[in-house]
Every structure is written in structure tokens, then in C-alpha cells.
Amino acid sequence: MSYFAINIVASLSIMLPAVLLVLRRRFIAPAFYPFALLVWIGTINELISLEEIIYHHSNMLNSNIYVLIEYLLLLWLFQQWNEWRYSSAFLLGCIGIAIWVIDNFFWHSIKTDNSFFRMAYSSIIVWLSMSQSTRIIINDTSHLYKNARFILCLTFIIYYSFKTFFESYNLVNEGISDRFFYWLWLMLNVVNLFTNLCYSYVIVWIRKKTPFTLQY
């Protein structure tokens, strides 16, 4: 299988959780609405990117816009899980928007592959996910493999940790061989596929009556 084919399979695998969300839309708890939007908008972005690539155009414009939307939706998701107040989410959102604007309009162009914002917001999501999963373990140790929020946090930790690692190399790529980058991209596609499969698993365990408020 060619690299392009692997990339297409990994990217379009997000359609599986997108379809599952449609089929199970009546069972999705309100606290997971930001996650549902994340998957559906992510699917649209992948389809747009595929069309751009097929017609030999760059997909960086829509990708750079999407990562900002993704970050804001994830902040909303953690806020819905009672991780912190609206003011904290608003502050992190403003910081992220400021970094995105600087990265895409001052340091680089919005039509180029810009890694600084991607690395920054991925690090923030890893931190939030680790904090959330730790609290879940402390407060509810029963049947964690059925806890949609816990599994989703673990998935975020795996995906965004690797994304932070990948973008750090992409940010300073001097002296790095093309072959090394090829393997990095290949690993990113594998992690992306794994993430979308985990999303599908999470959707199966989302329940409307799942308690979301952590006890302190």
C-alpha cells in the first residue's frame, strides 16, 4: 500500500465515528456535544482536504482554520465536564487564539504548514486530559473501560502527545533527513487511525444518564 493510500485510509477513518454519532445521536449526553461537533467538523475538513489534494491544491488553509476550531471545541468539552469555570476556558481560548493569529499571520502565512500553534494547543490538551483522567481514577475506579470520558482522555493523551512530538520536529526541521520525516508521518497516520477507532469505541459507551460532575 502506498503512502498516499495509507494517508487517505487514516484520514477518512474519522467517518466511522461520524456515522456512529448519527446512528446513536439520541443516546449522546449533552456533555459530549462538543466532541460530536469535533468529529463531524473533522470529517468535513478531511473531505475538503482530500478534494484539494486530488486537484493538486494545498489543504493548509482549511487545515489551519480547522485546528483552531478543534482547540476551541476541546476547551468547551473540558468545560462541560466541570473541569473549570467559564472564565478559565475563556482565558485559555483567548491565549490560543492569540498564538494562532501570531503563528498564521505574523510569523508565517495561513497557507503554509505552521507548527507552533499545533504544538502549543496539543500540549494544553494533554495537560487537561491528564488532569481529568487522574480525577476520574481517584473518584471512580469501577469499570473504567466503560467510562467514555476516561477512555476519551486516554485517547487525547496518546494522540496529542505524539502530535506535540511530531510538530516539535516539524518546527525545527534543519538537519533532519527526508526518510526520518517519512517515518514520522507514517507513525502519525497510524496514531490517527488508532485515535478514530478509539473515538468509535467511546461513542458506544456514551450514555445520557452518565454522571459528569466529579465529587471533591
N, C-alpha and C. Protein backbone atom coordinates (compact mmCIF):
# COMPACT_ATOMS: atom_id res chain seq x y z
N MET A 1 0.84 -1.19 0.00
CA MET A 1 0.00 0.00 0.00
C MET A 1 0.88 1.25 0.00
N SER A 2 0.60 2.20 -0.88
CA SER A 2 1.41 3.40 -0.98
C SER A 2 1.17 4.32 0.21
N TYR A 3 2.11 5.26 0.40
CA TYR A 3 1.97 6.21 1.50
C TYR A 3 0.70 7.03 1.35
N PHE A 4 0.40 7.45 0.10
CA PHE A 4 -0.80 8.25 -0.13
C PHE A 4 -2.05 7.48 0.27
N ALA A 5 -2.09 6.19 -0.07
CA ALA A 5 -3.25 5.36 0.28
C ALA A 5 -3.39 5.22 1.79
N ILE A 6 -2.25 5.04 2.48
CA ILE A 6 -2.27 4.94 3.94
C ILE A 6 -2.80 6.23 4.55
N ASN A 7 -2.35 7.35 4.01
CA ASN A 7 -2.80 8.65 4.49
C ASN A 7 -4.30 8.84 4.30
N ILE A 8 -4.82 8.41 3.16
CA ILE A 8 -6.25 8.54 2.87
C ILE A 8 -7.07 7.66 3.81
N VAL A 9 -6.63 6.41 4.01
CA VAL A 9 -7.35 5.49 4.90
C VAL A 9 -7.37 6.04 6.32
N ALA A 10 -6.22 6.51 6.80
CA ALA A 10 -6.14 7.04 8.16
C ALA A 10 -7.00 8.29 8.33
N SER A 11 -6.95 9.17 7.34
CA SER A 11 -7.70 10.43 7.43
C SER A 11 -9.21 10.21 7.37
N LEU A 12 -9.63 9.35 6.45
CA LEU A 12 -11.07 9.13 6.27
C LEU A 12 -11.65 8.15 7.29
N SER A 13 -10.80 7.56 8.13
CA SER A 13 -11.31 6.67 9.18
C SER A 13 -12.17 7.44 10.18
N ILE A 14 -12.08 8.77 10.18
CA ILE A 14 -12.92 9.58 11.06
C ILE A 14 -14.39 9.48 10.67
N MET A 15 -14.66 8.99 9.47
CA MET A 15 -16.05 8.82 9.04
C MET A 15 -16.76 7.75 9.84
N LEU A 16 -16.01 6.78 10.39
CA LEU A 16 -16.62 5.73 11.20
C LEU A 16 -17.26 6.30 12.47
N PRO A 17 -16.53 7.04 13.31
CA PRO A 17 -17.20 7.65 14.47
C PRO A 17 -18.25 8.68 14.08
N ALA A 18 -18.08 9.35 12.93
CA ALA A 18 -19.08 10.33 12.49
C ALA A 18 -20.41 9.64 12.20
N VAL A 19 -20.34 8.48 11.54
CA VAL A 19 -21.56 7.72 11.23
C VAL A 19 -22.17 7.17 12.52
N LEU A 20 -21.34 6.67 13.43
CA LEU A 20 -21.85 6.14 14.70
C LEU A 20 -22.56 7.22 15.50
N LEU A 21 -22.04 8.43 15.46
CA LEU A 21 -22.69 9.54 16.17
C LEU A 21 -24.06 9.84 15.60
N VAL A 22 -24.21 9.72 14.29
CA VAL A 22 -25.52 9.93 13.66
C VAL A 22 -26.48 8.82 14.10
N LEU A 23 -26.00 7.58 14.10
CA LEU A 23 -26.85 6.45 14.45
C LEU A 23 -27.24 6.47 15.93
N ARG A 24 -26.37 6.98 16.78
CA ARG A 24 -26.60 6.98 18.22
C ARG A 24 -26.86 8.39 18.77
N ARG A 25 -27.32 9.28 17.91
CA ARG A 25 -27.48 10.68 18.31
C ARG A 25 -28.45 10.86 19.48
N ARG A 26 -29.43 9.97 19.63
CA ARG A 26 -30.39 10.10 20.72
C ARG A 26 -29.80 9.65 22.06
N PHE A 27 -28.65 8.99 22.01
CA PHE A 27 -28.03 8.50 23.24
C PHE A 27 -26.86 9.37 23.70
N ILE A 28 -26.52 10.40 22.91
CA ILE A 28 -25.37 11.23 23.24
C ILE A 28 -25.73 12.22 24.34
N ALA A 29 -24.99 12.17 25.43
CA ALA A 29 -25.21 13.09 26.54
C ALA A 29 -24.79 14.51 26.15
N PRO A 30 -25.47 15.53 26.65
CA PRO A 30 -25.13 16.92 26.31
C PRO A 30 -23.67 17.27 26.58
N ALA A 31 -23.07 16.67 27.60
CA ALA A 31 -21.67 16.97 27.92
C ALA A 31 -20.72 16.52 26.83
N PHE A 32 -21.20 15.68 25.90
CA PHE A 32 -20.37 15.20 24.80
C PHE A 32 -20.72 15.88 23.47
N TYR A 33 -21.60 16.87 23.50
CA TYR A 33 -21.93 17.58 22.26
C TYR A 33 -20.70 18.22 21.60
N PRO A 34 -19.79 18.84 22.38
CA PRO A 34 -18.59 19.40 21.73
C PRO A 34 -17.76 18.32 21.01
N PHE A 35 -17.71 17.13 21.60
CA PHE A 35 -16.99 16.02 20.97
C PHE A 35 -17.66 15.62 19.66
N ALA A 36 -19.00 15.57 19.67
CA ALA A 36 -19.73 15.23 18.45
C ALA A 36 -19.45 16.25 17.35
N LEU A 37 -19.48 17.53 17.71
CA LEU A 37 -19.17 18.58 16.73
C LEU A 37 -17.74 18.45 16.22
N LEU A 38 -16.83 18.10 17.13
CA LEU A 38 -15.42 17.92 16.75
C LEU A 38 -15.28 16.84 15.68
N VAL A 39 -15.98 15.73 15.86
CA VAL A 39 -15.90 14.62 14.90
C VAL A 39 -16.52 15.01 13.57
N TRP A 40 -17.70 15.63 13.60
CA TRP A 40 -18.38 15.99 12.35
C TRP A 40 -17.61 17.06 11.57
N ILE A 41 -17.12 18.08 12.27
CA ILE A 41 -16.35 19.13 11.59
C ILE A 41 -15.03 18.56 11.09
N GLY A 42 -14.44 17.65 11.87
CA GLY A 42 -13.22 16.99 11.43
C GLY A 42 -13.43 16.19 10.17
N THR A 43 -14.58 15.53 10.05
CA THR A 43 -14.90 14.77 8.84
C THR A 43 -15.01 15.70 7.64
N ILE A 44 -15.70 16.82 7.82
CA ILE A 44 -15.83 17.80 6.73
C ILE A 44 -14.45 18.31 6.31
N ASN A 45 -13.59 18.58 7.28
CA ASN A 45 -12.25 19.08 6.97
C ASN A 45 -11.44 18.05 6.18
N GLU A 46 -11.55 16.78 6.55
CA GLU A 46 -10.81 15.73 5.84
C GLU A 46 -11.31 15.59 4.40
N LEU A 47 -12.62 15.73 4.20
CA LEU A 47 -13.17 15.64 2.84
C LEU A 47 -12.72 16.82 1.99
N ILE A 48 -12.68 18.01 2.60
CA ILE A 48 -12.19 19.19 1.89
C ILE A 48 -10.72 19.01 1.53
N SER A 49 -9.93 18.51 2.48
CA SER A 49 -8.50 18.28 2.24
C SER A 49 -8.29 17.28 1.12
N LEU A 50 -9.09 16.21 1.11
CA LEU A 50 -8.97 15.20 0.06
C LEU A 50 -9.24 15.80 -1.31
N GLU A 51 -10.28 16.63 -1.40
CA GLU A 51 -10.60 17.27 -2.67
C GLU A 51 -9.47 18.20 -3.12
N GLU A 52 -8.91 18.96 -2.18
CA GLU A 52 -7.81 19.87 -2.52
C GLU A 52 -6.60 19.09 -3.03
N ILE A 53 -6.29 17.98 -2.38
CA ILE A 53 -5.13 17.18 -2.78
C ILE A 53 -5.34 16.53 -4.14
N ILE A 54 -6.55 16.03 -4.38
CA ILE A 54 -6.85 15.39 -5.66
C ILE A 54 -6.67 16.37 -6.81
N TYR A 55 -7.06 17.61 -6.58
CA TYR A 55 -6.94 18.63 -7.63
C TYR A 55 -5.61 19.40 -7.53
N HIS A 56 -4.65 18.82 -6.79
CA HIS A 56 -3.29 19.36 -6.69
C HIS A 56 -3.25 20.77 -6.10
N HIS A 57 -4.11 21.00 -5.12
CA HIS A 57 -4.11 22.26 -4.39
C HIS A 57 -3.64 22.01 -2.96
N SER A 58 -3.23 23.06 -2.29
CA SER A 58 -2.81 22.93 -0.90
C SER A 58 -4.03 22.89 0.03
N ASN A 59 -3.95 22.04 1.04
CA ASN A 59 -5.04 21.96 2.01
C ASN A 59 -4.69 22.69 3.31
N MET A 60 -3.63 23.50 3.29
CA MET A 60 -3.16 24.14 4.51
C MET A 60 -4.11 25.22 5.02
N LEU A 61 -4.81 25.92 4.12
CA LEU A 61 -5.73 26.97 4.56
C LEU A 61 -6.84 26.40 5.42
N ASN A 62 -7.54 25.38 4.92
CA ASN A 62 -8.62 24.79 5.71
C ASN A 62 -8.08 24.06 6.94
N SER A 63 -6.89 23.48 6.84
CA SER A 63 -6.31 22.76 7.98
C SER A 63 -5.94 23.72 9.11
N ASN A 64 -5.38 24.87 8.75
CA ASN A 64 -5.01 25.86 9.77
C ASN A 64 -6.24 26.45 10.46
N ILE A 65 -7.32 26.60 9.72
CA ILE A 65 -8.57 27.08 10.32
C ILE A 65 -9.17 26.00 11.21
N TYR A 66 -9.10 24.76 10.74
CA TYR A 66 -9.69 23.65 11.50
C TYR A 66 -9.02 23.46 12.86
N VAL A 67 -7.69 23.54 12.93
CA VAL A 67 -7.02 23.27 14.20
C VAL A 67 -7.44 24.28 15.28
N LEU A 68 -7.75 25.52 14.88
CA LEU A 68 -8.24 26.49 15.85
C LEU A 68 -9.63 26.10 16.33
N ILE A 69 -10.50 25.69 15.40
CA ILE A 69 -11.84 25.23 15.77
C ILE A 69 -11.74 24.02 16.69
N GLU A 70 -10.85 23.10 16.36
CA GLU A 70 -10.65 21.89 17.17
C GLU A 70 -10.25 22.26 18.60
N TYR A 71 -9.32 23.17 18.73
CA TYR A 71 -8.86 23.59 20.05
C TYR A 71 -9.99 24.20 20.87
N LEU A 72 -10.77 25.08 20.27
CA LEU A 72 -11.87 25.73 20.99
C LEU A 72 -12.96 24.73 21.38
N LEU A 73 -13.24 23.77 20.51
CA LEU A 73 -14.22 22.73 20.84
C LEU A 73 -13.74 21.85 21.99
N LEU A 74 -12.46 21.55 22.02
CA LEU A 74 -11.91 20.74 23.11
C LEU A 74 -11.95 21.49 24.43
N LEU A 75 -11.70 22.79 24.39
CA LEU A 75 -11.84 23.60 25.61
C LEU A 75 -13.28 23.58 26.10
N TRP A 76 -14.22 23.69 25.18
CA TRP A 76 -15.64 23.62 25.53
C TRP A 76 -15.97 22.26 26.13
N LEU A 77 -15.40 21.20 25.56
CA LEU A 77 -15.64 19.85 26.06
C LEU A 77 -15.18 19.71 27.51
N PHE A 78 -13.97 20.16 27.81
CA PHE A 78 -13.48 20.06 29.18
C PHE A 78 -14.26 20.95 30.13
N GLN A 79 -14.71 22.07 29.64
CA GLN A 79 -15.54 22.95 30.48
C GLN A 79 -16.86 22.26 30.80
N GLN A 80 -17.44 21.56 29.83
CA GLN A 80 -18.68 20.82 30.04
C GLN A 80 -18.50 19.71 31.07
N TRP A 81 -17.30 19.20 31.17
CA TRP A 81 -17.01 18.15 32.14
C TRP A 81 -16.70 18.71 33.52
N ASN A 82 -16.99 20.00 33.73
CA ASN A 82 -16.79 20.66 35.02
C ASN A 82 -15.33 20.67 35.45
N GLU A 83 -14.45 20.79 34.46
CA GLU A 83 -13.02 20.85 34.80
C GLU A 83 -12.67 22.21 35.41
N TRP A 84 -13.26 23.28 34.91
CA TRP A 84 -13.01 24.60 35.45
C TRP A 84 -14.13 25.55 35.02
N ARG A 85 -14.07 26.79 35.53
CA ARG A 85 -15.11 27.77 35.25
C ARG A 85 -15.03 28.27 33.82
N TYR A 86 -16.10 28.97 33.38
CA TYR A 86 -16.13 29.58 32.05
C TYR A 86 -14.99 30.57 31.88
N SER A 87 -14.64 31.28 32.96
CA SER A 87 -13.57 32.28 32.87
C SER A 87 -12.24 31.63 32.51
N SER A 88 -11.98 30.44 33.06
CA SER A 88 -10.74 29.72 32.75
C SER A 88 -10.73 29.27 31.30
N ALA A 89 -11.88 28.74 30.84
CA ALA A 89 -11.98 28.32 29.44
C ALA A 89 -11.81 29.51 28.51
N PHE A 90 -12.41 30.63 28.90
CA PHE A 90 -12.30 31.84 28.08
C PHE A 90 -10.85 32.32 28.00
N LEU A 91 -10.15 32.27 29.13
CA LEU A 91 -8.75 32.70 29.16
C LEU A 91 -7.88 31.82 28.27
N LEU A 92 -8.03 30.49 28.40
CA LEU A 92 -7.26 29.58 27.56
C LEU A 92 -7.63 29.75 26.09
N GLY A 93 -8.90 30.03 25.83
CA GLY A 93 -9.33 30.27 24.45
C GLY A 93 -8.68 31.51 23.87
N CYS A 94 -8.64 32.58 24.64
CA CYS A 94 -8.02 33.83 24.17
C CYS A 94 -6.52 33.65 23.93
N ILE A 95 -5.87 32.92 24.83
CA ILE A 95 -4.43 32.65 24.66
C ILE A 95 -4.20 31.86 23.38
N GLY A 96 -5.03 30.84 23.16
CA GLY A 96 -4.90 30.02 21.95
C GLY A 96 -5.13 30.82 20.69
N ILE A 97 -6.16 31.66 20.70
CA ILE A 97 -6.46 32.50 19.52
C ILE A 97 -5.30 33.45 19.24
N ALA A 98 -4.73 34.03 20.30
CA ALA A 98 -3.60 34.95 20.12
C ALA A 98 -2.40 34.23 19.50
N ILE A 99 -2.10 33.03 19.99
CA ILE A 99 -0.98 32.25 19.43
C ILE A 99 -1.26 31.89 17.98
N TRP A 100 -2.51 31.51 17.69
CA TRP A 100 -2.89 31.13 16.32
C TRP A 100 -2.73 32.31 15.37
N VAL A 101 -3.18 33.49 15.79
CA VAL A 101 -3.06 34.69 14.94
C VAL A 101 -1.60 35.03 14.68
N ILE A 102 -0.79 35.00 15.73
CA ILE A 102 0.64 35.31 15.57
C ILE A 102 1.32 34.30 14.65
N ASP A 103 1.01 33.01 14.85
CA ASP A 103 1.65 31.95 14.07
C ASP A 103 1.25 32.00 12.60
N ASN A 104 -0.03 32.33 12.33
CA ASN A 104 -0.54 32.25 10.96
C ASN A 104 -0.51 33.56 10.18
N PHE A 105 -0.34 34.69 10.89
CA PHE A 105 -0.38 35.97 10.17
C PHE A 105 0.87 36.83 10.36
N PHE A 106 1.65 36.56 11.41
CA PHE A 106 2.85 37.36 11.66
C PHE A 106 4.13 36.56 11.41
N TRP A 107 4.21 35.37 12.01
CA TRP A 107 5.40 34.55 11.81
C TRP A 107 5.39 33.82 10.48
N HIS A 108 4.21 33.38 10.05
CA HIS A 108 4.08 32.61 8.82
C HIS A 108 2.84 33.08 8.06
N SER A 109 2.49 32.34 7.02
CA SER A 109 1.26 32.59 6.27
C SER A 109 0.23 31.53 6.65
N ILE A 110 -1.04 31.90 6.58
CA ILE A 110 -2.10 30.95 6.90
C ILE A 110 -2.19 29.83 5.86
N LYS A 111 -1.49 30.00 4.75
CA LYS A 111 -1.50 28.99 3.69
C LYS A 111 -0.28 28.08 3.74
N THR A 112 0.47 28.13 4.84
CA THR A 112 1.64 27.26 4.99
C THR A 112 1.45 26.34 6.20
N ASP A 113 2.31 25.33 6.28
CA ASP A 113 2.25 24.36 7.37
C ASP A 113 2.91 24.96 8.60
N ASN A 114 2.09 25.42 9.55
CA ASN A 114 2.59 26.12 10.73
C ASN A 114 2.46 25.24 11.97
N SER A 115 3.57 25.01 12.64
CA SER A 115 3.60 24.02 13.71
C SER A 115 3.51 24.59 15.12
N PHE A 116 3.82 25.87 15.29
CA PHE A 116 3.90 26.39 16.66
C PHE A 116 2.56 26.30 17.39
N PHE A 117 1.48 26.77 16.76
CA PHE A 117 0.17 26.69 17.41
C PHE A 117 -0.22 25.25 17.65
N ARG A 118 0.02 24.38 16.67
CA ARG A 118 -0.33 22.97 16.82
C ARG A 118 0.39 22.34 18.01
N MET A 119 1.65 22.66 18.16
CA MET A 119 2.43 22.13 19.28
C MET A 119 1.92 22.70 20.61
N ALA A 120 1.59 23.98 20.63
CA ALA A 120 1.14 24.63 21.86
C ALA A 120 -0.21 24.09 22.32
N TYR A 121 -1.19 24.02 21.41
CA TYR A 121 -2.52 23.59 21.84
C TYR A 121 -2.54 22.10 22.15
N SER A 122 -1.71 21.31 21.46
CA SER A 122 -1.63 19.87 21.76
C SER A 122 -1.12 19.66 23.17
N SER A 123 -0.14 20.45 23.58
CA SER A 123 0.41 20.35 24.94
C SER A 123 -0.65 20.69 25.98
N ILE A 124 -1.46 21.71 25.69
CA ILE A 124 -2.53 22.10 26.61
C ILE A 124 -3.56 20.98 26.75
N ILE A 125 -3.94 20.36 25.64
CA ILE A 125 -4.93 19.28 25.68
C ILE A 125 -4.40 18.08 26.44
N VAL A 126 -3.11 17.76 26.28
CA VAL A 126 -2.51 16.66 27.04
C VAL A 126 -2.59 16.94 28.54
N TRP A 127 -2.27 18.17 28.92
CA TRP A 127 -2.32 18.56 30.33
C TRP A 127 -3.74 18.44 30.88
N LEU A 128 -4.73 18.95 30.16
CA LEU A 128 -6.12 18.88 30.60
C LEU A 128 -6.59 17.43 30.69
N SER A 129 -6.19 16.61 29.74
CA SER A 129 -6.61 15.20 29.71
C SER A 129 -6.00 14.42 30.87
N MET A 130 -4.75 14.68 31.18
CA MET A 130 -4.10 14.01 32.30
C MET A 130 -4.76 14.41 33.62
N SER A 131 -5.08 15.67 33.76
CA SER A 131 -5.75 16.15 34.97
C SER A 131 -7.12 15.51 35.13
N GLN A 132 -7.87 15.47 34.03
CA GLN A 132 -9.22 14.90 34.07
C GLN A 132 -9.19 13.40 34.35
N SER A 133 -8.32 12.66 33.68
CA SER A 133 -8.25 11.21 33.87
C SER A 133 -7.80 10.85 35.28
N THR A 134 -6.90 11.64 35.85
CA THR A 134 -6.46 11.40 37.23
C THR A 134 -7.61 11.55 38.20
N ARG A 135 -8.42 12.57 38.02
CA ARG A 135 -9.58 12.78 38.90
C ARG A 135 -10.60 11.67 38.74
N ILE A 136 -10.77 11.17 37.53
CA ILE A 136 -11.71 10.07 37.32
C ILE A 136 -11.23 8.83 38.05
N ILE A 137 -9.93 8.52 37.97
CA ILE A 137 -9.38 7.35 38.65
C ILE A 137 -9.55 7.47 40.16
N ILE A 138 -9.33 8.64 40.70
CA ILE A 138 -9.45 8.85 42.14
C ILE A 138 -10.90 8.71 42.60
N ASN A 139 -11.85 9.20 41.81
CA ASN A 139 -13.25 9.24 42.24
C ASN A 139 -14.08 8.05 41.78
N ASP A 140 -13.65 7.36 40.73
CA ASP A 140 -14.45 6.25 40.22
C ASP A 140 -13.53 5.23 39.55
N THR A 141 -13.19 4.17 40.28
CA THR A 141 -12.27 3.16 39.75
C THR A 141 -13.00 1.96 39.15
N SER A 142 -14.31 1.94 39.18
CA SER A 142 -15.07 0.79 38.69
C SER A 142 -15.34 0.91 37.19
N HIS A 143 -15.05 -0.18 36.46
CA HIS A 143 -15.37 -0.28 35.04
C HIS A 143 -14.85 0.92 34.23
N LEU A 144 -13.58 1.24 34.40
CA LEU A 144 -13.02 2.37 33.66
C LEU A 144 -13.03 2.14 32.16
N TYR A 145 -13.00 0.86 31.74
CA TYR A 145 -13.02 0.57 30.31
C TYR A 145 -14.36 0.90 29.68
N LYS A 146 -15.39 1.13 30.51
CA LYS A 146 -16.70 1.54 30.02
C LYS A 146 -16.96 3.03 30.24
N ASN A 147 -16.02 3.71 30.83
CA ASN A 147 -16.17 5.14 31.12
C ASN A 147 -15.75 5.93 29.89
N ALA A 148 -16.73 6.46 29.17
CA ALA A 148 -16.45 7.15 27.90
C ALA A 148 -15.52 8.33 28.10
N ARG A 149 -15.71 9.06 29.16
CA ARG A 149 -14.87 10.24 29.42
C ARG A 149 -13.42 9.83 29.68
N PHE A 150 -13.23 8.76 30.46
CA PHE A 150 -11.88 8.29 30.78
C PHE A 150 -11.16 7.78 29.54
N ILE A 151 -11.83 6.97 28.73
CA ILE A 151 -11.23 6.44 27.51
C ILE A 151 -10.89 7.57 26.55
N LEU A 152 -11.77 8.56 26.48
CA LEU A 152 -11.53 9.69 25.58
C LEU A 152 -10.31 10.49 26.04
N CYS A 153 -10.15 10.66 27.34
CA CYS A 153 -8.98 11.36 27.87
C CYS A 153 -7.69 10.61 27.54
N LEU A 154 -7.71 9.28 27.70
CA LEU A 154 -6.53 8.48 27.36
C LEU A 154 -6.20 8.61 25.88
N THR A 155 -7.25 8.61 25.05
CA THR A 155 -7.05 8.77 23.61
C THR A 155 -6.42 10.12 23.29
N PHE A 156 -6.93 11.16 23.93
CA PHE A 156 -6.36 12.51 23.74
C PHE A 156 -4.89 12.54 24.15
N ILE A 157 -4.56 11.89 25.28
CA ILE A 157 -3.18 11.88 25.76
C ILE A 157 -2.25 11.23 24.73
N ILE A 158 -2.68 10.09 24.19
CA ILE A 158 -1.86 9.39 23.19
C ILE A 158 -1.70 10.23 21.93
N TYR A 159 -2.83 10.70 21.39
CA TYR A 159 -2.80 11.40 20.11
C TYR A 159 -2.05 12.74 20.21
N TYR A 160 -2.41 13.54 21.20
CA TYR A 160 -1.82 14.89 21.26
C TYR A 160 -0.39 14.87 21.80
N SER A 161 -0.01 13.84 22.54
CA SER A 161 1.39 13.70 22.93
C SER A 161 2.25 13.45 21.70
N PHE A 162 1.78 12.53 20.85
CA PHE A 162 2.55 12.27 19.63
C PHE A 162 2.53 13.48 18.71
N LYS A 163 1.40 14.17 18.67
CA LYS A 163 1.31 15.35 17.81
C LYS A 163 2.27 16.44 18.29
N THR A 164 2.40 16.61 19.60
CA THR A 164 3.37 17.57 20.13
C THR A 164 4.78 17.17 19.72
N PHE A 165 5.08 15.88 19.85
CA PHE A 165 6.38 15.35 19.45
C PHE A 165 6.64 15.59 17.97
N PHE A 166 5.63 15.29 17.14
CA PHE A 166 5.77 15.45 15.69
C PHE A 166 5.97 16.91 15.31
N GLU A 167 5.14 17.79 15.86
CA GLU A 167 5.22 19.20 15.49
C GLU A 167 6.51 19.85 15.97
N SER A 168 7.09 19.34 17.04
CA SER A 168 8.37 19.89 17.51
C SER A 168 9.46 19.64 16.48
N TYR A 169 9.43 18.46 15.83
CA TYR A 169 10.38 18.17 14.76
C TYR A 169 10.06 18.99 13.51
N ASN A 170 8.78 19.15 13.25
CA ASN A 170 8.36 19.92 12.08
C ASN A 170 8.71 21.40 12.22
N LEU A 171 8.77 21.86 13.46
CA LEU A 171 9.06 23.27 13.72
C LEU A 171 10.54 23.59 13.44
N VAL A 172 11.42 22.69 13.85
CA VAL A 172 12.86 22.87 13.61
C VAL A 172 13.37 21.66 12.82
N ASN A 173 13.20 21.70 11.51
CA ASN A 173 13.49 20.53 10.69
C ASN A 173 14.86 20.56 10.01
N GLU A 174 15.71 21.47 10.42
CA GLU A 174 17.03 21.54 9.81
C GLU A 174 17.88 20.34 10.23
N GLY A 175 18.52 19.71 9.26
CA GLY A 175 19.40 18.58 9.55
C GLY A 175 18.67 17.26 9.71
N ILE A 176 17.35 17.24 9.53
CA ILE A 176 16.57 16.01 9.66
C ILE A 176 16.32 15.45 8.27
N SER A 177 16.60 14.17 8.10
CA SER A 177 16.51 13.55 6.78
C SER A 177 15.06 13.37 6.34
N ASP A 178 14.86 13.30 5.02
CA ASP A 178 13.52 13.08 4.47
C ASP A 178 12.98 11.72 4.91
N ARG A 179 13.86 10.74 5.02
CA ARG A 179 13.42 9.40 5.43
C ARG A 179 12.88 9.41 6.86
N PHE A 180 13.56 10.17 7.73
CA PHE A 180 13.08 10.28 9.11
C PHE A 180 11.69 10.91 9.15
N PHE A 181 11.49 11.97 8.36
CA PHE A 181 10.18 12.61 8.29
C PHE A 181 9.12 11.67 7.73
N TYR A 182 9.54 10.84 6.78
CA TYR A 182 8.60 9.86 6.21
C TYR A 182 8.08 8.94 7.30
N TRP A 183 8.97 8.44 8.15
CA TRP A 183 8.55 7.55 9.23
C TRP A 183 7.73 8.28 10.27
N LEU A 184 8.04 9.54 10.51
CA LEU A 184 7.22 10.33 11.43
C LEU A 184 5.80 10.48 10.91
N TRP A 185 5.67 10.79 9.61
CA TRP A 185 4.35 10.93 9.00
C TRP A 185 3.61 9.61 9.02
N LEU A 186 4.32 8.52 8.77
CA LEU A 186 3.70 7.20 8.79
C LEU A 186 3.17 6.87 10.18
N MET A 187 3.98 7.15 11.19
CA MET A 187 3.55 6.92 12.57
C MET A 187 2.37 7.80 12.94
N LEU A 188 2.37 9.05 12.45
CA LEU A 188 1.25 9.95 12.72
C LEU A 188 -0.04 9.41 12.12
N ASN A 189 0.04 8.82 10.94
CA ASN A 189 -1.14 8.22 10.31
C ASN A 189 -1.65 7.02 11.10
N VAL A 190 -0.73 6.22 11.62
CA VAL A 190 -1.12 5.06 12.44
C VAL A 190 -1.81 5.53 13.71
N VAL A 191 -1.24 6.55 14.36
CA VAL A 191 -1.84 7.10 15.57
C VAL A 191 -3.20 7.72 15.27
N ASN A 192 -3.31 8.37 14.12
CA ASN A 192 -4.59 8.97 13.70
C ASN A 192 -5.66 7.91 13.52
N LEU A 193 -5.29 6.80 12.86
CA LEU A 193 -6.23 5.70 12.67
C LEU A 193 -6.65 5.11 14.01
N PHE A 194 -5.69 4.88 14.89
CA PHE A 194 -5.97 4.35 16.22
C PHE A 194 -6.91 5.28 16.98
N THR A 195 -6.67 6.58 16.88
CA THR A 195 -7.50 7.57 17.57
C THR A 195 -8.95 7.51 17.11
N ASN A 196 -9.16 7.42 15.81
CA ASN A 196 -10.53 7.37 15.28
C ASN A 196 -11.24 6.08 15.67
N LEU A 197 -10.50 4.98 15.78
CA LEU A 197 -11.08 3.73 16.26
C LEU A 197 -11.47 3.86 17.73
N CYS A 198 -10.63 4.53 18.50
CA CYS A 198 -10.95 4.78 19.92
C CYS A 198 -12.18 5.68 20.05
N TYR A 199 -12.28 6.69 19.18
CA TYR A 199 -13.47 7.54 19.18
C TYR A 199 -14.73 6.70 18.98
N SER A 200 -14.65 5.75 18.07
CA SER A 200 -15.80 4.87 17.80
C SER A 200 -16.16 4.06 19.04
N TYR A 201 -15.14 3.55 19.73
CA TYR A 201 -15.37 2.79 20.96
C TYR A 201 -16.02 3.67 22.03
N VAL A 202 -15.54 4.89 22.15
CA VAL A 202 -16.08 5.83 23.14
C VAL A 202 -17.56 6.10 22.88
N ILE A 203 -17.92 6.29 21.62
CA ILE A 203 -19.30 6.61 21.25
C ILE A 203 -20.25 5.50 21.68
N VAL A 204 -19.79 4.26 21.63
CA VAL A 204 -20.62 3.12 22.04
C VAL A 204 -20.97 3.20 23.52
N TRP A 205 -20.08 3.77 24.33
CA TRP A 205 -20.28 3.80 25.78
C TRP A 205 -20.83 5.12 26.30
N ILE A 206 -21.08 6.07 25.43
CA ILE A 206 -21.69 7.33 25.88
C ILE A 206 -23.15 7.08 26.25
N ARG A 207 -23.54 7.51 27.43
CA ARG A 207 -24.92 7.35 27.90
C ARG A 207 -25.45 8.70 28.35
N LYS A 208 -26.74 8.94 28.11
CA LYS A 208 -27.34 10.21 28.53
C LYS A 208 -27.33 10.39 30.04
N LYS A 209 -27.42 9.27 30.77
CA LYS A 209 -27.51 9.37 32.22
C LYS A 209 -26.15 9.19 32.90
N THR A 210 -25.07 9.25 32.13
CA THR A 210 -23.74 9.14 32.72
C THR A 210 -23.48 10.34 33.62
N PRO A 211 -23.08 10.13 34.88
CA PRO A 211 -22.76 11.28 35.75
C PRO A 211 -21.49 11.96 35.29
N PHE A 212 -21.52 13.28 35.20
CA PHE A 212 -20.37 14.00 34.70
C PHE A 212 -19.69 14.85 35.77
N THR A 213 -20.39 15.15 36.86
CA THR A 213 -19.81 16.01 37.87
C THR A 213 -18.90 15.21 38.79
N LEU A 214 -17.66 15.62 38.91
CA LEU A 214 -16.72 14.95 39.79
C LEU A 214 -16.98 15.36 41.23
N GLN A 215 -16.84 14.39 42.14
CA GLN A 215 -17.05 14.67 43.55
C GLN A 215 -15.72 15.02 44.21
N TYR A 216 -15.71 16.07 44.99
CA TYR A 216 -14.47 16.50 45.66
C TYR A 216 -14.59 16.31 47.16
